[in-house]
Amino acid sequence: MAGYKLKSHRGAAKRFRVTGNGKVKRGRSAGSHLLTHKSAGRMRHLKSTAYCNTADAKMIRTLLPYQ
């Protein structure tokens, strides 16, 4: 049976994006609840995106076959 498609892992697809260079972008955690004691500077930092390290990125790319 030739030519069938692989499915993307939907949980990973909602959390990660693969850049043109192959790096994996992610959002930062801890920015959605229990916010009253977190400083404004910390909250600004949590808004920004980050890159996954290479070991994690390799595993995430297997979950997202067409990205």
PDB file of N, CA and C in Angstrom:
ATOM      1  N   MET A   1       0.835  -1.184   0.000  1.00  0.00           N
ATOM      2  CA  MET A   1       0.000   0.000   0.000  1.00  0.00           C
ATOM      3  C   MET A   1       0.880   1.248   0.000  1.00  0.00           C
ATOM      4  N   ALA A   2       1.020   1.840  -1.123  1.00  0.00           N
ATOM      5  CA  ALA A   2       1.928   2.979  -1.235  1.00  0.00           C
ATOM      6  C   ALA A   2       1.172   4.296  -1.156  1.00  0.00           C
ATOM      7  N   GLY A   3       1.842   5.303  -0.611  1.00  0.00           N
ATOM      8  CA  GLY A   3       1.337   6.655  -0.699  1.00  0.00           C
ATOM      9  C   GLY A   3       0.369   7.107   0.368  1.00  0.00           C
ATOM     10  N   TYR A   4       0.376   6.489   1.527  1.00  0.00           N
ATOM     11  CA  TYR A   4      -0.512   7.010   2.576  1.00  0.00           C
ATOM     12  C   TYR A   4       0.227   8.031   3.431  1.00  0.00           C
ATOM     13  N   LYS A   5      -0.550   8.894   4.055  1.00  0.00           N
ATOM     14  CA  LYS A   5       0.019  10.021   4.784  1.00  0.00           C
ATOM     15  C   LYS A   5       0.174   9.697   6.264  1.00  0.00           C
ATOM     16  N   LEU A   6       1.155  10.349   6.880  1.00  0.00           N
ATOM     17  CA  LEU A   6       1.329  10.269   8.326  1.00  0.00           C
ATOM     18  C   LEU A   6       0.504  11.366   8.989  1.00  0.00           C
ATOM     19  N   LYS A   7       0.030  11.101  10.176  1.00  0.00           N
ATOM     20  CA  LYS A   7      -0.715  12.115  10.918  1.00  0.00           C
ATOM     21  C   LYS A   7       0.223  12.867  11.845  1.00  0.00           C
ATOM     22  N   SER A   8       0.014  14.173  11.951  1.00  0.00           N
ATOM     23  CA  SER A   8       0.752  14.972  12.921  1.00  0.00           C
ATOM     24  C   SER A   8       0.187  14.723  14.309  1.00  0.00           C
ATOM     25  N   HIS A   9       1.040  14.772  15.301  1.00  0.00           N
ATOM     26  CA  HIS A   9       0.597  14.689  16.692  1.00  0.00           C
ATOM     27  C   HIS A   9      -0.071  16.013  17.024  1.00  0.00           C
ATOM     28  N   ARG A  10      -1.381  15.975  17.290  1.00  0.00           N
ATOM     29  CA  ARG A  10      -2.140  17.215  17.400  1.00  0.00           C
ATOM     30  C   ARG A  10      -1.730  18.044  18.616  1.00  0.00           C
ATOM     31  N   GLY A  11      -1.366  17.408  19.705  1.00  0.00           N
ATOM     32  CA  GLY A  11      -0.912  18.152  20.871  1.00  0.00           C
ATOM     33  C   GLY A  11       0.367  18.907  20.581  1.00  0.00           C
ATOM     34  N   ALA A  12       1.295  18.273  19.865  1.00  0.00           N
ATOM     35  CA  ALA A  12       2.553  18.925  19.511  1.00  0.00           C
ATOM     36  C   ALA A  12       2.330  20.017  18.473  1.00  0.00           C
ATOM     37  N   ALA A  13       1.398  19.798  17.550  1.00  0.00           N
ATOM     38  CA  ALA A  13       1.144  20.776  16.492  1.00  0.00           C
ATOM     39  C   ALA A  13       0.606  22.084  17.062  1.00  0.00           C
ATOM     40  N   LYS A  14      -0.115  22.012  18.170  1.00  0.00           N
ATOM     41  CA  LYS A  14      -0.660  23.211  18.790  1.00  0.00           C
ATOM     42  C   LYS A  14       0.377  23.957  19.626  1.00  0.00           C
ATOM     43  N   ARG A  15       1.460  23.289  19.992  1.00  0.00           N
ATOM     44  CA  ARG A  15       2.433  23.889  20.909  1.00  0.00           C
ATOM     45  C   ARG A  15       3.742  24.318  20.269  1.00  0.00           C
ATOM     46  N   PHE A  16       4.073  23.751  19.119  1.00  0.00           N
ATOM     47  CA  PHE A  16       5.382  23.986  18.519  1.00  0.00           C
ATOM     48  C   PHE A  16       5.253  24.408  17.067  1.00  0.00           C
ATOM     49  N   ARG A  17       6.236  25.220  16.601  1.00  0.00           N
ATOM     50  CA  ARG A  17       6.346  25.590  15.197  1.00  0.00           C
ATOM     51  C   ARG A  17       7.786  25.333  14.776  1.00  0.00           C
ATOM     52  N   VAL A  18       7.953  24.826  13.559  1.00  0.00           N
ATOM     53  CA  VAL A  18       9.286  24.582  13.028  1.00  0.00           C
ATOM     54  C   VAL A  18       9.634  25.748  12.113  1.00  0.00           C
ATOM     55  N   THR A  19      10.795  26.362  12.335  1.00  0.00           N
ATOM     56  CA  THR A  19      11.221  27.511  11.540  1.00  0.00           C
ATOM     57  C   THR A  19      11.819  27.036  10.219  1.00  0.00           C
ATOM     58  N   GLY A  20      12.147  27.963   9.363  1.00  0.00           N
ATOM     59  CA  GLY A  20      12.737  27.630   8.078  1.00  0.00           C
ATOM     60  C   GLY A  20      14.089  26.950   8.199  1.00  0.00           C
ATOM     61  N   ASN A  21      14.827  27.272   9.246  1.00  0.00           N
ATOM     62  CA  ASN A  21      16.132  26.649   9.463  1.00  0.00           C
ATOM     63  C   ASN A  21      16.033  25.295  10.150  1.00  0.00           C
ATOM     64  N   GLY A  22      14.821  24.886  10.546  1.00  0.00           N
ATOM     65  CA  GLY A  22      14.650  23.597  11.202  1.00  0.00           C
ATOM     66  C   GLY A  22      14.645  23.660  12.711  1.00  0.00           C
ATOM     67  N   LYS A  23      14.789  24.856  13.275  1.00  0.00           N
ATOM     68  CA  LYS A  23      14.695  24.988  14.728  1.00  0.00           C
ATOM     69  C   LYS A  23      13.236  24.875  15.145  1.00  0.00           C
ATOM     70  N   VAL A  24      13.013  24.513  16.409  1.00  0.00           N
ATOM     71  CA  VAL A  24      11.651  24.350  16.907  1.00  0.00           C
ATOM     72  C   VAL A  24      11.370  25.448  17.921  1.00  0.00           C
ATOM     73  N   LYS A  25      10.345  26.267  17.631  1.00  0.00           N
ATOM     74  CA  LYS A  25       9.949  27.349  18.531  1.00  0.00           C
ATOM     75  C   LYS A  25       8.877  26.851  19.480  1.00  0.00           C
ATOM     76  N   ARG A  26       8.905  27.397  20.692  1.00  0.00           N
ATOM     77  CA  ARG A  26       7.913  27.030  21.700  1.00  0.00           C
ATOM     78  C   ARG A  26       7.549  28.265  22.496  1.00  0.00           C
ATOM     79  N   GLY A  27       6.387  28.199  23.147  1.00  0.00           N
ATOM     80  CA  GLY A  27       6.011  29.247  24.075  1.00  0.00           C
ATOM     81  C   GLY A  27       6.578  28.944  25.446  1.00  0.00           C
ATOM     82  N   ARG A  28       6.565  29.930  26.314  1.00  0.00           N
ATOM     83  CA  ARG A  28       7.073  29.713  27.666  1.00  0.00           C
ATOM     84  C   ARG A  28       5.941  29.305  28.597  1.00  0.00           C
ATOM     85  N   SER A  29       6.275  28.535  29.595  1.00  0.00           N
ATOM     86  CA  SER A  29       5.263  28.049  30.523  1.00  0.00           C
ATOM     87  C   SER A  29       5.050  29.039  31.661  1.00  0.00           C
ATOM     88  N   ALA A  30       4.032  28.798  32.461  1.00  0.00           N
ATOM     89  CA  ALA A  30       3.730  29.528  33.704  1.00  0.00           C
ATOM     90  C   ALA A  30       3.213  30.943  33.467  1.00  0.00           C
ATOM     91  N   GLY A  31       2.585  31.206  32.321  1.00  0.00           N
ATOM     92  CA  GLY A  31       2.090  32.542  32.068  1.00  0.00           C
ATOM     93  C   GLY A  31       0.586  32.645  31.986  1.00  0.00           C
ATOM     94  N   SER A  32      -0.143  31.635  32.473  1.00  0.00           N
ATOM     95  CA  SER A  32      -1.583  31.655  32.265  1.00  0.00           C
ATOM     96  C   SER A  32      -2.409  31.718  33.547  1.00  0.00           C
ATOM     97  N   HIS A  33      -1.832  31.356  34.679  1.00  0.00           N
ATOM     98  CA  HIS A  33      -2.604  31.473  35.923  1.00  0.00           C
ATOM     99  C   HIS A  33      -1.653  31.714  37.087  1.00  0.00           C
ATOM    100  N   LEU A  34      -2.210  32.044  38.254  1.00  0.00           N
ATOM    101  CA  LEU A  34      -1.415  32.430  39.440  1.00  0.00           C
ATOM    102  C   LEU A  34      -0.508  33.614  39.106  1.00  0.00           C
ATOM    103  N   LEU A  35      -1.087  34.660  38.526  1.00  0.00           N
ATOM    104  CA  LEU A  35      -0.300  35.761  37.985  1.00  0.00           C
ATOM    105  C   LEU A  35      -0.089  36.909  38.961  1.00  0.00           C
ATOM    106  N   THR A  36      -0.813  36.939  40.065  1.00  0.00           N
ATOM    107  CA  THR A  36      -0.780  38.124  40.915  1.00  0.00           C
ATOM    108  C   THR A  36       0.587  38.354  41.560  1.00  0.00           C
ATOM    109  N   HIS A  37       1.315  37.303  41.849  1.00  0.00           N
ATOM    110  CA  HIS A  37       2.605  37.492  42.514  1.00  0.00           C
ATOM    111  C   HIS A  37       3.778  37.555  41.539  1.00  0.00           C
ATOM    112  N   LYS A  38       3.514  37.456  40.236  1.00  0.00           N
ATOM    113  CA  LYS A  38       4.589  37.517  39.251  1.00  0.00           C
ATOM    114  C   LYS A  38       4.782  38.965  38.811  1.00  0.00           C
ATOM    115  N   SER A  39       6.037  39.361  38.694  1.00  0.00           N
ATOM    116  CA  SER A  39       6.349  40.747  38.372  1.00  0.00           C
ATOM    117  C   SER A  39       6.069  41.038  36.899  1.00  0.00           C
ATOM    118  N   ALA A  40       5.966  42.332  36.584  1.00  0.00           N
ATOM    119  CA  ALA A  40       5.694  42.750  35.211  1.00  0.00           C
ATOM    120  C   ALA A  40       6.831  42.341  34.290  1.00  0.00           C
ATOM    121  N   GLY A  41       8.054  42.447  34.761  1.00  0.00           N
ATOM    122  CA  GLY A  41       9.194  42.049  33.941  1.00  0.00           C
ATOM    123  C   GLY A  41       9.192  40.560  33.656  1.00  0.00           C
ATOM    124  N   ARG A  42       8.825  39.793  34.653  1.00  0.00           N
ATOM    125  CA  ARG A  42       8.739  38.345  34.463  1.00  0.00           C
ATOM    126  C   ARG A  42       7.638  37.996  33.457  1.00  0.00           C
ATOM    127  N   MET A  43       6.510  38.701  33.547  1.00  0.00           N
ATOM    128  CA  MET A  43       5.405  38.446  32.624  1.00  0.00           C
ATOM    129  C   MET A  43       5.785  38.835  31.193  1.00  0.00           C
ATOM    130  N   ARG A  44       6.530  39.923  31.026  1.00  0.00           N
ATOM    131  CA  ARG A  44       7.010  40.310  29.694  1.00  0.00           C
ATOM    132  C   ARG A  44       7.912  39.235  29.126  1.00  0.00           C
ATOM    133  N   HIS A  45       8.756  38.665  29.976  1.00  0.00           N
ATOM    134  CA  HIS A  45       9.656  37.598  29.543  1.00  0.00           C
ATOM    135  C   HIS A  45       8.873  36.359  29.133  1.00  0.00           C
ATOM    136  N   LEU A  46       7.814  36.042  29.853  1.00  0.00           N
ATOM    137  CA  LEU A  46       7.014  34.854  29.551  1.00  0.00           C
ATOM    138  C   LEU A  46       6.214  35.002  28.257  1.00  0.00           C
ATOM    139  N   LYS A  47       5.957  36.241  27.819  1.00  0.00           N
ATOM    140  CA  LYS A  47       5.239  36.442  26.559  1.00  0.00           C
ATOM    141  C   LYS A  47       6.074  36.037  25.358  1.00  0.00           C
ATOM    142  N   SER A  48       7.394  36.147  25.472  1.00  0.00           N
ATOM    143  CA  SER A  48       8.255  35.891  24.326  1.00  0.00           C
ATOM    144  C   SER A  48       8.381  34.393  24.069  1.00  0.00           C
ATOM    145  N   THR A  49       8.710  34.045  22.838  1.00  0.00           N
ATOM    146  CA  THR A  49       8.911  32.643  22.490  1.00  0.00           C
ATOM    147  C   THR A  49      10.360  32.262  22.720  1.00  0.00           C
ATOM    148  N   ALA A  50      10.611  30.954  22.700  1.00  0.00           N
ATOM    149  CA  ALA A  50      11.962  30.444  22.885  1.00  0.00           C
ATOM    150  C   ALA A  50      12.157  29.287  21.919  1.00  0.00           C
ATOM    151  N   TYR A  51      13.380  28.797  21.830  1.00  0.00           N
ATOM    152  CA  TYR A  51      13.694  27.642  20.999  1.00  0.00           C
ATOM    153  C   TYR A  51      13.927  26.432  21.882  1.00  0.00           C
ATOM    154  N   CYS A  52      13.493  25.274  21.408  1.00  0.00           N
ATOM    155  CA  CYS A  52      13.752  24.029  22.123  1.00  0.00           C
ATOM    156  C   CYS A  52      15.216  23.645  21.932  1.00  0.00           C
ATOM    157  N   ASN A  53      15.768  22.922  22.912  1.00  0.00           N
ATOM    158  CA  ASN A  53      17.144  22.453  22.729  1.00  0.00           C
ATOM    159  C   ASN A  53      17.165  21.328  21.688  1.00  0.00           C
ATOM    160  N   THR A  54      18.335  20.991  21.203  1.00  0.00           N
ATOM    161  CA  THR A  54      18.449  20.115  20.037  1.00  0.00           C
ATOM    162  C   THR A  54      17.924  18.710  20.299  1.00  0.00           C
ATOM    163  N   ALA A  55      18.111  18.194  21.504  1.00  0.00           N
ATOM    164  CA  ALA A  55      17.636  16.846  21.813  1.00  0.00           C
ATOM    165  C   ALA A  55      16.110  16.786  21.781  1.00  0.00           C
ATOM    166  N   ASP A  56      15.459  17.796  22.364  1.00  0.00           N
ATOM    167  CA  ASP A  56      13.997  17.840  22.348  1.00  0.00           C
ATOM    168  C   ASP A  56      13.473  18.132  20.946  1.00  0.00           C
ATOM    169  N   ALA A  57      14.159  18.995  20.213  1.00  0.00           N
ATOM    170  CA  ALA A  57      13.706  19.375  18.881  1.00  0.00           C
ATOM    171  C   ALA A  57      13.693  18.173  17.940  1.00  0.00           C
ATOM    172  N   LYS A  58      14.656  17.299  18.080  1.00  0.00           N
ATOM    173  CA  LYS A  58      14.719  16.104  17.238  1.00  0.00           C
ATOM    174  C   LYS A  58      13.497  15.227  17.469  1.00  0.00           C
ATOM    175  N   MET A  59      13.105  15.076  18.720  1.00  0.00           N
ATOM    176  CA  MET A  59      11.942  14.259  19.046  1.00  0.00           C
ATOM    177  C   MET A  59      10.654  14.932  18.571  1.00  0.00           C
ATOM    178  N   ILE A  60      10.574  16.250  18.706  1.00  0.00           N
ATOM    179  CA  ILE A  60       9.363  16.973  18.299  1.00  0.00           C
ATOM    180  C   ILE A  60       9.185  16.921  16.788  1.00  0.00           C
ATOM    181  N   ARG A  61      10.300  16.980  16.046  1.00  0.00           N
ATOM    182  CA  ARG A  61      10.188  16.926  14.589  1.00  0.00           C
ATOM    183  C   ARG A  61       9.641  15.589  14.101  1.00  0.00           C
ATOM    184  N   THR A  62       9.854  14.514  14.857  1.00  0.00           N
ATOM    185  CA  THR A  62       9.256  13.222  14.475  1.00  0.00           C
ATOM    186  C   THR A  62       7.739  13.241  14.691  1.00  0.00           C
ATOM    187  N   LEU A  63       7.257  14.047  15.652  1.00  0.00           N
ATOM    188  CA  LEU A  63       5.821  14.149  15.895  1.00  0.00           C
ATOM    189  C   LEU A  63       5.140  15.024  14.854  1.00  0.00           C
ATOM    190  N   LEU A  64       5.918  15.876  14.170  1.00  0.00           N
ATOM    191  CA  LEU A  64       5.376  16.795  13.167  1.00  0.00           C
ATOM    192  C   LEU A  64       6.019  16.479  11.818  1.00  0.00           C
ATOM    193  N   PRO A  65       5.564  15.450  11.119  1.00  0.00           N
ATOM    194  CA  PRO A  65       6.297  14.959   9.951  1.00  0.00           C
ATOM    195  C   PRO A  65       6.345  15.906   8.769  1.00  0.00           C
ATOM    196  N   TYR A  66       5.357  16.817   8.600  1.00  0.00           N
ATOM    197  CA  TYR A  66       5.307  17.654   7.406  1.00  0.00           C
ATOM    198  C   TYR A  66       5.612  19.114   7.692  1.00  0.00           C
ATOM    199  N   GLN A  67       6.301  19.397   8.774  1.00  0.00           N
ATOM    200  CA  GLN A  67       6.647  20.780   9.092  1.00  0.00           C
ATOM    201  C   GLN A  67       8.144  20.972   9.085  1.00  0.00           C
TER     202      GLN A  67
END
